[in-house]
N, C-alpha and C. Protein backbone atom coordinates (compact mmCIF):
# COMPACT_ATOMS: atom_id res chain seq x y z
N MET A 1 1.14 8.66 -18.95
CA MET A 1 2.44 9.12 -19.36
C MET A 1 3.47 8.05 -18.96
N THR A 2 4.30 7.68 -19.87
CA THR A 2 5.33 6.71 -19.57
C THR A 2 6.66 7.43 -19.40
N VAL A 3 7.50 6.82 -18.61
CA VAL A 3 8.82 7.38 -18.35
C VAL A 3 9.84 6.30 -18.70
N ASP A 4 10.89 6.68 -19.39
CA ASP A 4 11.95 5.75 -19.74
C ASP A 4 12.61 5.24 -18.46
N PRO A 5 12.68 3.91 -18.27
CA PRO A 5 13.27 3.37 -17.05
C PRO A 5 14.76 3.70 -16.89
N GLY A 6 15.40 4.14 -17.96
CA GLY A 6 16.82 4.47 -17.87
C GLY A 6 17.10 5.83 -17.28
N THR A 7 16.06 6.66 -17.14
CA THR A 7 16.25 7.99 -16.59
C THR A 7 16.16 7.94 -15.06
N PRO A 8 16.68 8.95 -14.38
CA PRO A 8 16.57 8.97 -12.91
C PRO A 8 15.12 8.92 -12.43
N GLU A 9 14.22 9.64 -13.11
CA GLU A 9 12.80 9.61 -12.74
C GLU A 9 12.23 8.21 -12.94
N GLY A 10 12.61 7.55 -14.01
CA GLY A 10 12.14 6.19 -14.28
C GLY A 10 12.63 5.21 -13.22
N ARG A 11 13.88 5.36 -12.80
CA ARG A 11 14.40 4.47 -11.75
C ARG A 11 13.69 4.70 -10.43
N ARG A 12 13.42 5.98 -10.10
CA ARG A 12 12.68 6.28 -8.87
C ARG A 12 11.28 5.68 -8.92
N ARG A 13 10.62 5.82 -10.06
CA ARG A 13 9.27 5.27 -10.19
C ARG A 13 9.27 3.75 -10.10
N THR A 14 10.26 3.12 -10.72
CA THR A 14 10.34 1.67 -10.67
C THR A 14 10.58 1.20 -9.24
N ARG A 15 11.50 1.85 -8.56
CA ARG A 15 11.81 1.50 -7.17
C ARG A 15 10.58 1.70 -6.30
N ARG A 16 9.90 2.83 -6.47
CA ARG A 16 8.71 3.11 -5.67
C ARG A 16 7.60 2.10 -5.98
N GLY A 17 7.44 1.76 -7.25
CA GLY A 17 6.43 0.78 -7.63
C GLY A 17 6.70 -0.58 -7.01
N LEU A 18 7.96 -0.98 -6.99
CA LEU A 18 8.32 -2.26 -6.37
C LEU A 18 8.07 -2.22 -4.87
N LEU A 19 8.39 -1.10 -4.23
CA LEU A 19 8.14 -0.98 -2.79
C LEU A 19 6.65 -1.04 -2.47
N VAL A 20 5.84 -0.39 -3.29
CA VAL A 20 4.39 -0.42 -3.08
C VAL A 20 3.87 -1.85 -3.28
N TYR A 21 4.37 -2.53 -4.29
CA TYR A 21 3.95 -3.91 -4.57
C TYR A 21 4.32 -4.83 -3.41
N VAL A 22 5.54 -4.73 -2.93
CA VAL A 22 5.99 -5.57 -1.81
C VAL A 22 5.20 -5.24 -0.55
N ALA A 23 4.96 -3.95 -0.30
CA ALA A 23 4.19 -3.56 0.88
C ALA A 23 2.77 -4.11 0.80
N ALA A 24 2.18 -4.11 -0.38
CA ALA A 24 0.83 -4.65 -0.55
C ALA A 24 0.81 -6.15 -0.29
N LEU A 25 1.81 -6.86 -0.79
CA LEU A 25 1.86 -8.30 -0.54
C LEU A 25 2.03 -8.62 0.94
N VAL A 26 2.91 -7.88 1.61
CA VAL A 26 3.12 -8.09 3.05
C VAL A 26 1.85 -7.77 3.82
N ALA A 27 1.18 -6.67 3.46
CA ALA A 27 -0.05 -6.28 4.14
C ALA A 27 -1.13 -7.34 3.96
N LEU A 28 -1.26 -7.88 2.76
CA LEU A 28 -2.25 -8.93 2.52
C LEU A 28 -1.92 -10.20 3.31
N ALA A 29 -0.65 -10.53 3.40
CA ALA A 29 -0.25 -11.71 4.17
C ALA A 29 -0.55 -11.51 5.66
N VAL A 30 -0.24 -10.33 6.17
CA VAL A 30 -0.48 -10.05 7.59
C VAL A 30 -1.97 -10.08 7.90
N GLN A 31 -2.78 -9.45 7.06
CA GLN A 31 -4.22 -9.47 7.33
C GLN A 31 -4.77 -10.88 7.19
N GLY A 32 -4.21 -11.67 6.29
CA GLY A 32 -4.64 -13.06 6.16
C GLY A 32 -4.33 -13.87 7.41
N ILE A 33 -3.17 -13.65 7.98
CA ILE A 33 -2.79 -14.35 9.22
C ILE A 33 -3.75 -13.97 10.34
N PHE A 34 -4.05 -12.67 10.48
CA PHE A 34 -4.97 -12.23 11.53
C PHE A 34 -6.38 -12.75 11.27
N LEU A 35 -6.80 -12.80 10.01
CA LEU A 35 -8.13 -13.31 9.69
C LEU A 35 -8.25 -14.79 10.05
N VAL A 36 -7.26 -15.56 9.71
CA VAL A 36 -7.29 -16.99 10.04
C VAL A 36 -7.31 -17.19 11.55
N ALA A 37 -6.49 -16.41 12.26
CA ALA A 37 -6.47 -16.52 13.72
C ALA A 37 -7.83 -16.13 14.31
N ALA A 38 -8.46 -15.10 13.76
CA ALA A 38 -9.76 -14.66 14.27
C ALA A 38 -10.85 -15.68 13.97
N ILE A 39 -10.78 -16.32 12.82
CA ILE A 39 -11.77 -17.34 12.48
C ILE A 39 -11.61 -18.56 13.38
N ARG A 40 -10.39 -18.92 13.70
CA ARG A 40 -10.15 -20.08 14.56
C ARG A 40 -10.55 -19.81 16.00
N ALA A 41 -10.54 -18.58 16.42
CA ALA A 41 -10.95 -18.21 17.78
C ALA A 41 -12.08 -17.18 17.67
N PRO A 42 -13.29 -17.63 17.28
CA PRO A 42 -14.37 -16.69 16.98
C PRO A 42 -14.84 -15.86 18.18
N HIS A 43 -14.58 -16.31 19.40
CA HIS A 43 -15.05 -15.59 20.57
C HIS A 43 -14.04 -14.58 21.08
N ASP A 44 -12.93 -14.47 20.40
CA ASP A 44 -11.90 -13.51 20.80
C ASP A 44 -12.09 -12.22 20.00
N ALA A 45 -12.74 -11.25 20.60
CA ALA A 45 -13.04 -9.99 19.90
C ALA A 45 -11.76 -9.21 19.60
N GLY A 46 -10.73 -9.41 20.39
CA GLY A 46 -9.48 -8.69 20.18
C GLY A 46 -8.85 -9.01 18.84
N LEU A 47 -8.92 -10.27 18.42
CA LEU A 47 -8.36 -10.65 17.13
C LEU A 47 -9.16 -10.03 15.99
N TRP A 48 -10.48 -10.00 16.12
CA TRP A 48 -11.29 -9.38 15.09
C TRP A 48 -11.02 -7.88 15.03
N LEU A 49 -10.83 -7.25 16.18
CA LEU A 49 -10.51 -5.83 16.22
C LEU A 49 -9.14 -5.57 15.58
N LEU A 50 -8.17 -6.41 15.90
CA LEU A 50 -6.84 -6.28 15.31
C LEU A 50 -6.90 -6.45 13.79
N TRP A 51 -7.67 -7.42 13.32
CA TRP A 51 -7.84 -7.62 11.88
C TRP A 51 -8.46 -6.38 11.23
N ALA A 52 -9.49 -5.82 11.87
CA ALA A 52 -10.14 -4.63 11.32
C ALA A 52 -9.18 -3.44 11.28
N ILE A 53 -8.36 -3.30 12.30
CA ILE A 53 -7.38 -2.21 12.33
C ILE A 53 -6.37 -2.37 11.20
N VAL A 54 -5.92 -3.59 10.95
CA VAL A 54 -4.98 -3.85 9.86
C VAL A 54 -5.62 -3.50 8.52
N ILE A 55 -6.87 -3.87 8.33
CA ILE A 55 -7.58 -3.54 7.09
C ILE A 55 -7.67 -2.02 6.91
N LEU A 56 -8.00 -1.31 7.98
CA LEU A 56 -8.09 0.15 7.90
C LEU A 56 -6.73 0.77 7.60
N LEU A 57 -5.67 0.23 8.19
CA LEU A 57 -4.32 0.75 7.92
C LEU A 57 -3.92 0.50 6.47
N ILE A 58 -4.29 -0.64 5.93
CA ILE A 58 -3.99 -0.94 4.53
C ILE A 58 -4.72 0.07 3.63
N ALA A 59 -5.99 0.28 3.90
CA ALA A 59 -6.77 1.24 3.09
C ALA A 59 -6.18 2.64 3.21
N ALA A 60 -5.82 3.04 4.42
CA ALA A 60 -5.22 4.36 4.62
C ALA A 60 -3.90 4.48 3.87
N GLY A 61 -3.12 3.43 3.87
CA GLY A 61 -1.85 3.44 3.13
C GLY A 61 -2.05 3.65 1.65
N PHE A 62 -3.05 2.99 1.08
CA PHE A 62 -3.33 3.17 -0.34
C PHE A 62 -3.83 4.58 -0.63
N VAL A 63 -4.63 5.14 0.27
CA VAL A 63 -5.11 6.51 0.07
C VAL A 63 -3.95 7.50 0.12
N VAL A 64 -3.07 7.33 1.10
CA VAL A 64 -1.91 8.22 1.22
C VAL A 64 -1.02 8.09 -0.01
N GLU A 65 -0.76 6.88 -0.44
CA GLU A 65 0.09 6.67 -1.62
C GLU A 65 -0.56 7.28 -2.87
N SER A 66 -1.88 7.12 -3.00
CA SER A 66 -2.59 7.68 -4.15
C SER A 66 -2.49 9.20 -4.17
N ARG A 67 -2.69 9.82 -3.01
CA ARG A 67 -2.60 11.28 -2.94
C ARG A 67 -1.19 11.76 -3.22
N PHE A 68 -0.20 11.05 -2.68
CA PHE A 68 1.19 11.42 -2.92
C PHE A 68 1.51 11.36 -4.42
N GLU A 69 1.06 10.29 -5.07
CA GLU A 69 1.33 10.12 -6.50
C GLU A 69 0.61 11.19 -7.32
N ARG A 70 -0.63 11.51 -6.94
CA ARG A 70 -1.38 12.54 -7.65
C ARG A 70 -0.68 13.90 -7.50
N LYS A 71 -0.22 14.19 -6.29
CA LYS A 71 0.50 15.44 -6.04
C LYS A 71 1.79 15.49 -6.86
N ARG A 72 2.51 14.38 -6.91
CA ARG A 72 3.75 14.33 -7.67
C ARG A 72 3.49 14.52 -9.15
N ARG A 73 2.43 13.92 -9.65
CA ARG A 73 2.11 14.07 -11.08
C ARG A 73 1.70 15.49 -11.42
N ARG A 74 0.92 16.13 -10.52
CA ARG A 74 0.54 17.52 -10.74
C ARG A 74 1.77 18.41 -10.78
N LYS A 75 2.69 18.18 -9.86
CA LYS A 75 3.92 18.97 -9.81
C LYS A 75 4.74 18.72 -11.08
N HIS A 76 4.82 17.46 -11.50
CA HIS A 76 5.60 17.12 -12.70
C HIS A 76 4.99 17.75 -13.94
N SER A 77 3.67 17.73 -14.07
CA SER A 77 3.03 18.31 -15.25
C SER A 77 3.15 19.84 -15.24
N ALA A 78 3.21 20.44 -14.08
CA ALA A 78 3.37 21.89 -13.99
C ALA A 78 4.78 22.29 -14.40
N ASP A 79 5.76 21.42 -14.18
CA ASP A 79 7.15 21.70 -14.55
C ASP A 79 7.37 21.65 -16.05
N LEU A 80 6.50 20.95 -16.77
CA LEU A 80 6.68 20.80 -18.21
C LEU A 80 6.28 22.01 -18.94
């Protein structure tokens, strides 16, 4: 279903989409920094643990966002 970007719902979706895109880019950059640091110091288990935690947080963020969007779409389709 497409929404006209000129409507309030379209503006909210565009803003939310941009925020999700920027958050994904920042998350990928952060995990990349931790991965490079962990590779350069292979005997430091703390860096590998920190990298794994960041990866899990990224995955959890996508799951939460997906569920939120699914819930919003169900609510929107019920209103029609």
